[in-house]
Amino acid sequence: MAEVIFYLLDEEQNDAQPAPLALACRLAAQAYRSKQACLVLCEDKQQAEAVDELLWQLPVDAFVPHNLTGEGPPKGTPVEIAWQGSSRSNKPVLINLASQLPEGHQRFKRIFDFVPADDQQKQQARERYKQYRGAGHQLDTRPANSIEEN
């Protein structure tokens, strides 16, 4: 079963980008630097394109090879960005930005998820947490500021 880490998002974050997207990019960059391929699963294509754009904005020395599902080289890149139902990725790490439990979550070794400050989104995160636990995954919860800056 996977290790599932939920990051608690702070409503105080006033970044130019929505907090979960910025944190997902940091996690994807960490995975890449650790030589672990990952899938960033978004709620929809619009959110996937926003993550793609944020990854392109990283400094040149922090470049993360990535592509949207269906684009890029034939064998893909270390970081794939998909939306619900668009990917059958076999990457070991999943960064979940979707509101529902990801289809095929059992195939990942490590899953990152987020608990937003918004009450409705927080309730959806609680439901995912219960579903992950029910599937036998090992769960952990951490503050968002515990993600290392690299």
Protein backbone atom coordinates (compact mmCIF):
# COMPACT_ATOMS: atom_id res chain seq x y z
CA MET A 1 0.00 0.00 0.00
CA ALA A 2 1.01 3.59 -0.52
CA GLU A 3 2.25 6.18 1.91
CA VAL A 4 -0.27 9.05 1.70
CA ILE A 5 0.80 12.46 2.97
CA PHE A 6 -1.82 15.18 3.39
CA TYR A 7 -0.53 18.76 3.53
CA LEU A 8 -2.63 21.20 5.55
CA LEU A 9 -2.98 24.44 3.61
CA ASP A 10 -3.03 27.75 5.42
CA GLU A 11 -5.65 30.34 4.51
CA GLU A 12 -3.01 32.99 5.22
CA GLN A 13 -1.16 32.15 2.00
CA ASN A 14 -1.53 35.10 -0.36
CA ASP A 15 0.74 33.90 -3.15
CA ALA A 16 0.07 34.87 -6.76
CA GLN A 17 -0.75 31.21 -7.45
CA PRO A 18 -3.31 29.13 -5.57
CA ALA A 19 -1.47 27.42 -2.71
CA PRO A 20 -2.13 23.79 -3.75
CA LEU A 21 -0.79 24.43 -7.28
CA ALA A 22 2.38 26.10 -6.03
CA LEU A 23 2.95 23.31 -3.50
CA ALA A 24 2.27 20.64 -6.12
CA CYS A 25 4.99 22.21 -8.28
CA ARG A 26 7.44 22.18 -5.36
CA LEU A 27 6.64 18.52 -4.68
CA ALA A 28 7.04 17.66 -8.37
CA ALA A 29 10.43 19.42 -8.40
CA GLN A 30 11.49 17.50 -5.29
CA ALA A 31 10.41 14.20 -6.85
CA TYR A 32 12.35 15.00 -10.02
CA ARG A 33 15.50 15.92 -8.09
CA SER A 34 15.12 12.64 -6.16
CA LYS A 35 14.89 10.78 -9.49
CA GLN A 36 11.29 9.71 -8.82
CA ALA A 37 8.84 10.07 -11.67
CA CYS A 38 5.49 11.53 -10.67
CA LEU A 39 2.00 12.19 -11.91
CA VAL A 40 0.30 15.47 -11.00
CA LEU A 41 -3.42 14.71 -11.17
CA CYS A 42 -5.59 17.80 -11.59
CA GLU A 43 -9.32 18.34 -11.29
CA ASP A 44 -9.65 19.37 -14.94
CA LYS A 45 -7.69 20.36 -18.04
CA GLN A 46 -7.72 24.06 -17.08
CA GLN A 47 -6.04 23.30 -13.73
CA ALA A 48 -3.55 20.98 -15.50
CA GLU A 49 -2.61 23.80 -17.86
CA ALA A 50 -2.13 26.14 -14.87
CA VAL A 51 0.28 23.64 -13.24
CA ASP A 52 2.09 23.26 -16.57
CA GLU A 53 2.50 27.04 -16.77
CA LEU A 54 3.79 27.26 -13.19
CA LEU A 55 6.42 24.59 -13.88
CA TRP A 56 7.60 26.55 -16.93
CA GLN A 57 8.07 29.58 -14.67
CA LEU A 58 10.66 27.84 -12.46
CA PRO A 59 14.19 29.27 -12.73
CA VAL A 60 16.38 27.76 -15.46
CA ASP A 61 18.60 26.01 -12.90
CA ALA A 62 15.51 24.40 -11.32
CA PHE A 63 13.94 23.18 -14.60
CA VAL A 64 11.65 20.16 -14.23
CA PRO A 65 11.03 18.14 -17.43
CA HIS A 66 7.25 17.80 -17.64
CA ASN A 67 4.40 17.43 -20.08
CA LEU A 68 0.64 17.34 -20.20
CA THR A 69 -0.82 13.90 -20.81
CA GLY A 70 -0.71 13.12 -24.53
CA GLU A 71 1.98 15.70 -25.27
CA GLY A 72 5.76 15.58 -25.18
CA PRO A 73 8.16 12.78 -26.11
CA PRO A 74 6.88 9.25 -26.85
CA LYS A 75 8.11 7.85 -23.52
CA GLY A 76 6.94 10.90 -21.61
CA THR A 77 8.86 12.97 -19.10
CA PRO A 78 9.65 12.48 -15.40
CA VAL A 79 6.66 14.65 -14.45
CA GLU A 80 3.33 14.07 -16.16
CA ILE A 81 0.40 16.43 -15.64
CA ALA A 82 -3.03 14.90 -16.15
CA TRP A 83 -6.65 15.46 -15.21
CA GLN A 84 -9.33 13.04 -14.06
CA GLY A 85 -9.64 10.16 -16.50
CA SER A 86 -6.88 11.32 -18.87
CA SER A 87 -3.94 9.21 -17.70
CA ARG A 88 -3.05 5.61 -17.04
CA SER A 89 0.39 6.55 -15.75
CA ASN A 90 2.57 3.96 -14.07
CA LYS A 91 4.71 6.50 -12.22
CA PRO A 92 5.41 5.68 -8.53
CA VAL A 93 4.45 9.09 -7.09
CA LEU A 94 1.06 10.80 -7.32
CA ILE A 95 0.39 14.44 -6.46
CA ASN A 96 -3.39 14.69 -6.19
CA LEU A 97 -5.06 18.05 -6.84
CA ALA A 98 -8.41 16.45 -7.73
CA SER A 99 -11.35 16.62 -5.34
CA GLN A 100 -12.12 12.89 -5.61
CA LEU A 101 -10.10 9.82 -4.69
CA PRO A 102 -7.92 9.11 -7.75
CA GLU A 103 -8.84 6.12 -9.86
CA GLY A 104 -6.17 3.43 -9.52
CA HIS A 105 -4.65 4.98 -6.38
CA GLN A 106 -3.51 1.50 -5.30
CA ARG A 107 -0.79 1.41 -7.98
CA PHE A 108 1.19 4.34 -6.50
CA LYS A 109 3.91 3.97 -3.87
CA ARG A 110 3.57 7.50 -2.55
CA ILE A 111 0.65 9.94 -2.75
CA PHE A 112 0.60 13.61 -1.83
CA ASP A 113 -2.78 15.24 -1.19
CA PHE A 114 -3.93 18.56 0.24
CA VAL A 115 -6.37 19.84 2.86
CA PRO A 116 -7.44 23.35 1.77
CA ALA A 117 -8.66 25.95 4.28
CA ASP A 118 -12.01 26.27 2.42
CA ASP A 119 -14.70 24.33 4.34
CA GLN A 120 -16.20 22.52 1.33
CA GLN A 121 -12.77 21.48 0.01
CA LYS A 122 -11.71 20.50 3.54
CA GLN A 123 -14.73 18.16 3.75
CA GLN A 124 -13.78 16.59 0.39
CA ALA A 125 -10.24 16.06 1.75
CA ARG A 126 -11.69 14.34 4.85
CA GLU A 127 -13.65 11.99 2.58
CA ARG A 128 -10.49 11.16 0.58
CA TYR A 129 -8.62 10.59 3.85
CA LYS A 130 -11.28 8.08 5.00
CA GLN A 131 -11.19 6.33 1.62
CA TYR A 132 -7.38 6.09 1.62
CA ARG A 133 -7.51 4.71 5.17
CA GLY A 134 -10.24 2.23 4.17
CA ALA A 135 -8.00 1.03 1.32
CA GLY A 136 -5.22 0.28 3.81
CA HIS A 137 -2.82 3.10 2.91
CA GLN A 138 -0.40 4.47 5.52
CA LEU A 139 -1.51 8.05 6.31
CA ASP A 140 0.34 11.12 7.55
CA THR A 141 -0.65 14.78 7.91
CA ARG A 142 1.84 17.66 7.78
CA PRO A 143 1.70 21.45 7.65
CA ALA A 144 2.23 22.85 4.14
CA ASN A 145 5.22 24.86 5.33
CA SER A 146 7.05 21.58 6.08
CA ILE A 147 7.72 21.10 2.34
CA GLU A 148 11.38 21.92 1.92
CA GLU A 149 12.41 24.86 -0.23
CA ASN A 150 15.04 23.73 -2.71
